[in-house]
Amino acid sequence: MTPSCPLCGGRDGRVWAHAMGAAYHRCGRCALTFLDPDRWPSPQAERARYEEHDNRPDDPGYRRFLAKLADPLDARLPRGSEGLDFGCGPGPTLSGMLEARGHVVRDYDPFFVPDEEALARTYDFVTCSEVIEHVHDPWSVLRRLHGLLRPGGVLGVMTGMVDDRADFANWYYVRDPTHVCFYHPATMAWIAERFGWAMERPRWTVTLFRV
C-alpha cells in the first residue's frame, strides 16, 4: 500500500520510480514525489550528512548558486525589508548576501542555529533555500512559514524540481540520502492554491509565493 503523502495526506499515490534500492512514490493529489518513509534518515544521520557540506560564505561558486534565489527575491523587495533565512545550515550565507543589499535578515536552522526567538515574530520575507527537500513534514513546516509572514510577505523557495521528461532514477538530486521529498511544478501550484498564495517561478528551481 502506498504510504500517505507527507504534504497533503493523500493515499491515492503510486510507486513512481526505484532508485538507490528504494521506492519513490508519486502523490495523485499534489504530485509530490517522496522516498518511502521506511528509508528516511534519522536526525543523527541528517546532521552528520549536513556537516559534510562545504558551503562557505566566501566561496564564489556557492554565492552564485544562492544568487539564483537572492536576485529575483531582492528585485521584489523594498530596501530595509526584514527577513528570515529558514534552514541556513552550518555556514549561513544567504542572509549576508541579502543584508549587503540593504535588508535585515536573521538565521534559523534546527541543527546549527536553533534560535527559537527567530520563530516568534513575523517578517517581510522568508527564504528556504535547499531545505524543503529534506523536510519530513512539509505541510507542518509550510504552515509555520505562512505564520511567519506579514501580509504581502514573500516566501522564497529554492529546490531541485522534478522534470517528468528526465530520468528520475539517475537524477543527482536523488543520490543525497537526506533528500526525501521532491517537488513538481504542479506541487508548487497545489501549495499556492491551498494557502491562497500568489505564485511566481522566475527560475526552474526557484518559486516565490506571496501571502
C-alpha atoms as a PDB file:
ATOM      1  CA  MET A   1       0.000   0.000   0.000  1.00  0.00           C
ATOM      2  CA  THR A   2       1.269   3.458  -0.877  1.00  0.00           C
ATOM      3  CA  PRO A   3       2.014   5.456   2.285  1.00  0.00           C
ATOM      4  CA  SER A   4       0.168   8.707   2.901  1.00  0.00           C
ATOM      5  CA  CYS A   5       1.647  11.790   1.267  1.00  0.00           C
ATOM      6  CA  PRO A   6       3.702  13.870   3.733  1.00  0.00           C
ATOM      7  CA  LEU A   7       2.453  17.076   2.104  1.00  0.00           C
ATOM      8  CA  CYS A   8      -1.278  16.640   1.527  1.00  0.00           C
ATOM      9  CA  GLY A   9      -2.026  13.394   3.364  1.00  0.00           C
ATOM     10  CA  GLY A  10      -3.434  11.740   0.234  1.00  0.00           C
ATOM     11  CA  ARG A  11      -3.343   7.979  -0.173  1.00  0.00           C
ATOM     12  CA  ASP A  12      -4.061   7.788  -3.894  1.00  0.00           C
ATOM     13  CA  GLY A  13      -0.430   7.677  -4.980  1.00  0.00           C
ATOM     14  CA  ARG A  14       1.647   5.012  -6.674  1.00  0.00           C
ATOM     15  CA  VAL A  15       5.240   3.896  -6.928  1.00  0.00           C
ATOM     16  CA  TRP A  16       6.815   6.359  -9.354  1.00  0.00           C
ATOM     17  CA  ALA A  17      10.373   5.064  -9.571  1.00  0.00           C
ATOM     18  CA  HIS A  18      13.042   2.962  -7.937  1.00  0.00           C
ATOM     19  CA  ALA A  19      16.470   4.416  -7.231  1.00  0.00           C
ATOM     20  CA  MET A  20      19.343   3.590  -4.911  1.00  0.00           C
ATOM     21  CA  GLY A  21      17.490   0.417  -3.917  1.00  0.00           C
ATOM     22  CA  ALA A  22      14.428   2.312  -2.677  1.00  0.00           C
ATOM     23  CA  ALA A  23      10.902   3.066  -3.870  1.00  0.00           C
ATOM     24  CA  TYR A  24       9.749   6.609  -4.608  1.00  0.00           C
ATOM     25  CA  HIS A  25       6.031   7.358  -4.555  1.00  0.00           C
ATOM     26  CA  ARG A  26       4.112   9.981  -6.545  1.00  0.00           C
ATOM     27  CA  CYS A  27       1.057  11.504  -4.891  1.00  0.00           C
ATOM     28  CA  GLY A  28      -2.010  11.560  -7.120  1.00  0.00           C
ATOM     29  CA  ARG A  29      -3.364  14.703  -5.466  1.00  0.00           C
ATOM     30  CA  CYS A  30      -0.454  17.153  -5.104  1.00  0.00           C
ATOM     31  CA  ALA A  31       2.158  15.463  -7.360  1.00  0.00           C
ATOM     32  CA  LEU A  32       4.773  15.307  -4.622  1.00  0.00           C
ATOM     33  CA  THR A  33       7.305  12.528  -5.175  1.00  0.00           C
ATOM     34  CA  PHE A  34       8.669  11.118  -1.948  1.00  0.00           C
ATOM     35  CA  LEU A  35      11.038   8.459  -0.730  1.00  0.00           C
ATOM     36  CA  ASP A  36       9.427   5.519   1.020  1.00  0.00           C
ATOM     37  CA  PRO A  37       9.229   6.622   4.687  1.00  0.00           C
ATOM     38  CA  ASP A  38      10.950   3.419   5.809  1.00  0.00           C
ATOM     39  CA  ARG A  39      14.109   4.850   4.236  1.00  0.00           C
ATOM     40  CA  TRP A  40      14.015   8.323   5.755  1.00  0.00           C
ATOM     41  CA  PRO A  41      17.177   9.146   7.721  1.00  0.00           C
ATOM     42  CA  SER A  42      17.290   9.703  11.475  1.00  0.00           C
ATOM     43  CA  PRO A  43      18.034  13.206  12.821  1.00  0.00           C
ATOM     44  CA  GLN A  44      21.516  11.986  13.741  1.00  0.00           C
ATOM     45  CA  ALA A  45      22.171  10.774  10.193  1.00  0.00           C
ATOM     46  CA  GLU A  46      20.801  14.028   8.799  1.00  0.00           C
ATOM     47  CA  ARG A  47      23.104  16.181  10.902  1.00  0.00           C
ATOM     48  CA  ALA A  48      26.129  14.039  10.048  1.00  0.00           C
ATOM     49  CA  ARG A  49      25.365  14.492   6.349  1.00  0.00           C
ATOM     50  CA  TYR A  50      24.891  18.264   6.664  1.00  0.00           C
ATOM     51  CA  GLU A  51      28.204  18.602   8.477  1.00  0.00           C
ATOM     52  CA  GLU A  52      29.885  17.144   5.387  1.00  0.00           C
ATOM     53  CA  HIS A  53      28.695  20.087   3.270  1.00  0.00           C
ATOM     54  CA  ASP A  54      31.399  22.579   2.382  1.00  0.00           C
ATOM     55  CA  ASN A  55      29.220  25.647   1.873  1.00  0.00           C
ATOM     56  CA  ARG A  56      31.420  28.587   2.823  1.00  0.00           C
ATOM     57  CA  PRO A  57      30.265  32.223   2.750  1.00  0.00           C
ATOM     58  CA  ASP A  58      33.435  33.221   0.884  1.00  0.00           C
ATOM     59  CA  ASP A  59      33.006  30.616  -1.870  1.00  0.00           C
ATOM     60  CA  PRO A  60      32.170  32.469  -5.124  1.00  0.00           C
ATOM     61  CA  GLY A  61      30.540  29.372  -6.616  1.00  0.00           C
ATOM     62  CA  TYR A  62      28.243  28.946  -3.640  1.00  0.00           C
ATOM     63  CA  ARG A  63      27.325  32.629  -3.747  1.00  0.00           C
ATOM     64  CA  ARG A  64      26.490  32.379  -7.458  1.00  0.00           C
ATOM     65  CA  PHE A  65      24.282  29.404  -6.662  1.00  0.00           C
ATOM     66  CA  LEU A  66      22.413  31.295  -3.926  1.00  0.00           C
ATOM     67  CA  ALA A  67      22.043  34.310  -6.207  1.00  0.00           C
ATOM     68  CA  LYS A  68      19.526  32.278  -8.198  1.00  0.00           C
ATOM     69  CA  LEU A  69      17.161  32.932  -5.298  1.00  0.00           C
ATOM     70  CA  ALA A  70      18.610  36.170  -3.947  1.00  0.00           C
ATOM     71  CA  ASP A  71      18.395  38.091  -7.235  1.00  0.00           C
ATOM     72  CA  PRO A  72      14.690  37.635  -8.071  1.00  0.00           C
ATOM     73  CA  LEU A  73      13.720  37.941  -4.409  1.00  0.00           C
ATOM     74  CA  ASP A  74      15.653  41.172  -3.918  1.00  0.00           C
ATOM     75  CA  ALA A  75      14.080  42.608  -7.072  1.00  0.00           C
ATOM     76  CA  ARG A  76      10.661  42.274  -5.426  1.00  0.00           C
ATOM     77  CA  LEU A  77      11.551  43.688  -2.002  1.00  0.00           C
ATOM     78  CA  PRO A  78      11.795  47.307  -0.849  1.00  0.00           C
ATOM     79  CA  ARG A  79      15.076  48.253   0.827  1.00  0.00           C
ATOM     80  CA  GLY A  80      15.109  47.605   4.534  1.00  0.00           C
ATOM     81  CA  SER A  81      12.808  44.582   4.374  1.00  0.00           C
ATOM     82  CA  GLU A  82      13.067  42.231   7.341  1.00  0.00           C
ATOM     83  CA  GLY A  83      13.572  38.554   6.617  1.00  0.00           C
ATOM     84  CA  LEU A  84      14.447  35.132   7.929  1.00  0.00           C
ATOM     85  CA  ASP A  85      16.672  32.505   6.308  1.00  0.00           C
ATOM     86  CA  PHE A  86      14.961  29.294   7.413  1.00  0.00           C
ATOM     87  CA  GLY A  87      17.353  26.338   7.324  1.00  0.00           C
ATOM     88  CA  CYS A  88      20.526  28.359   6.884  1.00  0.00           C
ATOM     89  CA  GLY A  89      22.829  25.379   7.545  1.00  0.00           C
ATOM     90  CA  PRO A  90      26.221  25.382   9.251  1.00  0.00           C
ATOM     91  CA  GLY A  91      27.592  28.251   7.151  1.00  0.00           C
ATOM     92  CA  PRO A  92      24.923  30.986   6.849  1.00  0.00           C
ATOM     93  CA  THR A  93      25.499  32.865   3.610  1.00  0.00           C
ATOM     94  CA  LEU A  94      22.232  33.933   2.005  1.00  0.00           C
ATOM     95  CA  SER A  95      21.396  36.230   4.912  1.00  0.00           C
ATOM     96  CA  GLY A  96      24.665  38.101   4.471  1.00  0.00           C
ATOM     97  CA  MET A  97      24.111  38.446   0.732  1.00  0.00           C
ATOM     98  CA  LEU A  98      20.678  39.968   1.318  1.00  0.00           C
ATOM     99  CA  GLU A  99      21.941  42.211   4.102  1.00  0.00           C
ATOM    100  CA  ALA A 100      24.536  43.565   1.689  1.00  0.00           C
ATOM    101  CA  ARG A 101      21.589  44.621  -0.485  1.00  0.00           C
ATOM    102  CA  GLY A 102      20.019  46.638   2.315  1.00  0.00           C
ATOM    103  CA  HIS A 103      17.800  44.111   4.102  1.00  0.00           C
ATOM    104  CA  VAL A 104      17.772  42.915   7.711  1.00  0.00           C
ATOM    105  CA  VAL A 105      17.948  39.122   7.971  1.00  0.00           C
ATOM    106  CA  ARG A 106      18.003  36.594  10.811  1.00  0.00           C
ATOM    107  CA  ASP A 107      19.153  32.994  10.555  1.00  0.00           C
ATOM    108  CA  TYR A 108      17.433  29.850  11.776  1.00  0.00           C
ATOM    109  CA  ASP A 109      18.365  26.205  11.482  1.00  0.00           C
ATOM    110  CA  PRO A 110      17.060  23.382  13.706  1.00  0.00           C
ATOM    111  CA  PHE A 111      20.530  21.815  13.880  1.00  0.00           C
ATOM    112  CA  PHE A 112      23.005  24.684  13.645  1.00  0.00           C
ATOM    113  CA  VAL A 113      21.204  27.927  14.591  1.00  0.00           C
ATOM    114  CA  PRO A 114      18.252  26.793  16.767  1.00  0.00           C
ATOM    115  CA  ASP A 115      17.170  30.351  17.595  1.00  0.00           C
ATOM    116  CA  GLU A 116      13.575  29.839  18.701  1.00  0.00           C
ATOM    117  CA  GLU A 117      13.151  33.593  19.210  1.00  0.00           C
ATOM    118  CA  ALA A 118      13.550  33.979  15.456  1.00  0.00           C
ATOM    119  CA  LEU A 119      10.381  31.920  15.026  1.00  0.00           C
ATOM    120  CA  ALA A 120       8.394  34.025  17.472  1.00  0.00           C
ATOM    121  CA  ARG A 121       7.965  37.073  15.217  1.00  0.00           C
ATOM    122  CA  THR A 122       6.929  37.912  11.658  1.00  0.00           C
ATOM    123  CA  TYR A 123       8.828  39.011   8.574  1.00  0.00           C
ATOM    124  CA  ASP A 124       8.500  40.664   5.181  1.00  0.00           C
ATOM    125  CA  PHE A 125      10.146  37.639   3.604  1.00  0.00           C
ATOM    126  CA  VAL A 126      11.369  34.154   4.430  1.00  0.00           C
ATOM    127  CA  THR A 127      13.920  32.225   2.399  1.00  0.00           C
ATOM    128  CA  CYS A 128      14.024  28.441   2.271  1.00  0.00           C
ATOM    129  CA  SER A 129      16.982  27.511   0.084  1.00  0.00           C
ATOM    130  CA  GLU A 130      17.766  23.824  -0.491  1.00  0.00           C
ATOM    131  CA  VAL A 131      15.724  22.929   2.590  1.00  0.00           C
ATOM    132  CA  ILE A 132      12.237  21.769   1.685  1.00  0.00           C
ATOM    133  CA  GLU A 133      13.504  18.575   0.026  1.00  0.00           C
ATOM    134  CA  HIS A 134      14.930  17.482   3.398  1.00  0.00           C
ATOM    135  CA  VAL A 135      11.768  18.149   5.390  1.00  0.00           C
ATOM    136  CA  HIS A 136       9.848  15.090   6.601  1.00  0.00           C
ATOM    137  CA  ASP A 137       6.647  17.015   7.380  1.00  0.00           C
ATOM    138  CA  PRO A 138       6.402  19.682   4.669  1.00  0.00           C
ATOM    139  CA  TRP A 139       2.775  20.543   5.387  1.00  0.00           C
ATOM    140  CA  SER A 140       3.550  21.469   9.003  1.00  0.00           C
ATOM    141  CA  VAL A 141       6.640  23.421   8.003  1.00  0.00           C
ATOM    142  CA  LEU A 142       4.814  25.360   5.296  1.00  0.00           C
ATOM    143  CA  ARG A 143       2.061  26.235   7.759  1.00  0.00           C
ATOM    144  CA  ARG A 144       4.699  27.519  10.139  1.00  0.00           C
ATOM    145  CA  LEU A 145       6.374  29.583   7.444  1.00  0.00           C
ATOM    146  CA  HIS A 146       2.992  31.006   6.461  1.00  0.00           C
ATOM    147  CA  GLY A 147       2.560  32.171  10.045  1.00  0.00           C
ATOM    148  CA  LEU A 148       5.947  33.914   9.956  1.00  0.00           C
ATOM    149  CA  LEU A 149       4.979  36.138   7.027  1.00  0.00           C
ATOM    150  CA  ARG A 150       3.349  39.530   7.276  1.00  0.00           C
ATOM    151  CA  PRO A 151       0.535  40.406   4.843  1.00  0.00           C
ATOM    152  CA  GLY A 152       2.107  40.839   1.422  1.00  0.00           C
ATOM    153  CA  GLY A 153       5.195  38.932   2.543  1.00  0.00           C
ATOM    154  CA  VAL A 154       7.189  36.667   0.241  1.00  0.00           C
ATOM    155  CA  LEU A 155       8.337  33.092   0.768  1.00  0.00           C
ATOM    156  CA  GLY A 156      11.274  32.254  -1.494  1.00  0.00           C
ATOM    157  CA  VAL A 157      11.865  28.537  -2.050  1.00  0.00           C
ATOM    158  CA  MET A 158      14.745  27.022  -3.984  1.00  0.00           C
ATOM    159  CA  THR A 159      14.821  23.273  -4.555  1.00  0.00           C
ATOM    160  CA  GLY A 160      15.508  20.830  -7.360  1.00  0.00           C
ATOM    161  CA  MET A 161      12.343  20.310  -9.373  1.00  0.00           C
ATOM    162  CA  VAL A 162      11.079  17.032 -10.809  1.00  0.00           C
ATOM    163  CA  ASP A 163      11.103  17.060 -14.593  1.00  0.00           C
ATOM    164  CA  ASP A 164       8.899  14.274 -15.952  1.00  0.00           C
ATOM    165  CA  ARG A 165      10.932  14.271 -19.170  1.00  0.00           C
ATOM    166  CA  ALA A 166      14.121  13.350 -17.288  1.00  0.00           C
ATOM    167  CA  ASP A 167      15.347  10.051 -15.815  1.00  0.00           C
ATOM    168  CA  PHE A 168      14.342  10.391 -12.171  1.00  0.00           C
ATOM    169  CA  ALA A 169      16.248   7.280 -11.048  1.00  0.00           C
ATOM    170  CA  ASN A 170      19.547   8.742 -12.274  1.00  0.00           C
ATOM    171  CA  TRP A 171      18.947  12.330 -11.151  1.00  0.00           C
ATOM    172  CA  TYR A 172      21.817  13.582  -8.964  1.00  0.00           C
ATOM    173  CA  TYR A 173      19.323  15.053  -6.512  1.00  0.00           C
ATOM    174  CA  VAL A 174      18.080  11.581  -5.610  1.00  0.00           C
ATOM    175  CA  ARG A 175      21.549  10.434  -4.551  1.00  0.00           C
ATOM    176  CA  ASP A 176      21.550  12.544  -1.384  1.00  0.00           C
ATOM    177  CA  PRO A 177      20.111  10.259   1.339  1.00  0.00           C
ATOM    178  CA  THR A 178      18.656  13.258   3.199  1.00  0.00           C
ATOM    179  CA  HIS A 179      16.519  14.285   0.210  1.00  0.00           C
ATOM    180  CA  VAL A 180      13.129  12.713   0.915  1.00  0.00           C
ATOM    181  CA  CYS A 181      10.584  14.943  -0.882  1.00  0.00           C
ATOM    182  CA  PHE A 182      10.787  16.088  -4.483  1.00  0.00           C
ATOM    183  CA  TYR A 183       8.633  18.872  -5.874  1.00  0.00           C
ATOM    184  CA  HIS A 184       6.992  19.175  -9.278  1.00  0.00           C
ATOM    185  CA  PRO A 185       5.662  22.421 -10.801  1.00  0.00           C
ATOM    186  CA  ALA A 186       2.177  21.012 -10.145  1.00  0.00           C
ATOM    187  CA  THR A 187       3.123  20.555  -6.482  1.00  0.00           C
ATOM    188  CA  MET A 188       4.052  24.219  -6.187  1.00  0.00           C
ATOM    189  CA  ALA A 189       0.758  25.188  -7.822  1.00  0.00           C
ATOM    190  CA  TRP A 190      -1.103  22.964  -5.348  1.00  0.00           C
ATOM    191  CA  ILE A 191       0.704  24.620  -2.422  1.00  0.00           C
ATOM    192  CA  ALA A 192      -0.126  28.109  -3.722  1.00  0.00           C
ATOM    193  CA  GLU A 193      -3.799  27.244  -4.158  1.00  0.00           C
ATOM    194  CA  ARG A 194      -4.048  25.532  -0.789  1.00  0.00           C
ATOM    195  CA  PHE A 195      -2.621  28.504   1.104  1.00  0.00           C
ATOM    196  CA  GLY A 196      -4.156  31.177  -1.107  1.00  0.00           C
ATOM    197  CA  TRP A 197      -0.735  32.475  -2.156  1.00  0.00           C
ATOM    198  CA  ALA A 198       0.163  34.166  -5.416  1.00  0.00           C
ATOM    199  CA  MET A 199       2.985  32.302  -7.141  1.00  0.00           C
ATOM    200  CA  GLU A 200       5.835  33.160  -9.488  1.00  0.00           C
ATOM    201  CA  ARG A 201       8.531  30.841 -10.790  1.00  0.00           C
ATOM    202  CA  PRO A 202      11.327  33.107 -12.065  1.00  0.00           C
ATOM    203  CA  ARG A 203      13.701  30.146 -12.446  1.00  0.00           C
ATOM    204  CA  TRP A 204      13.160  26.401 -12.798  1.00  0.00           C
ATOM    205  CA  THR A 205      14.411  25.781  -9.235  1.00  0.00           C
ATOM    206  CA  VAL A 206      13.002  28.960  -7.656  1.00  0.00           C
ATOM    207  CA  THR A 207       9.432  29.590  -6.566  1.00  0.00           C
ATOM    208  CA  LEU A 208       8.248  32.825  -4.968  1.00  0.00           C
ATOM    209  CA  PHE A 209       4.991  32.752  -3.012  1.00  0.00           C
ATOM    210  CA  ARG A 210       3.330  35.982  -1.889  1.00  0.00           C
ATOM    211  CA  VAL A 211       0.893  35.997   1.025  1.00  0.00           C
END
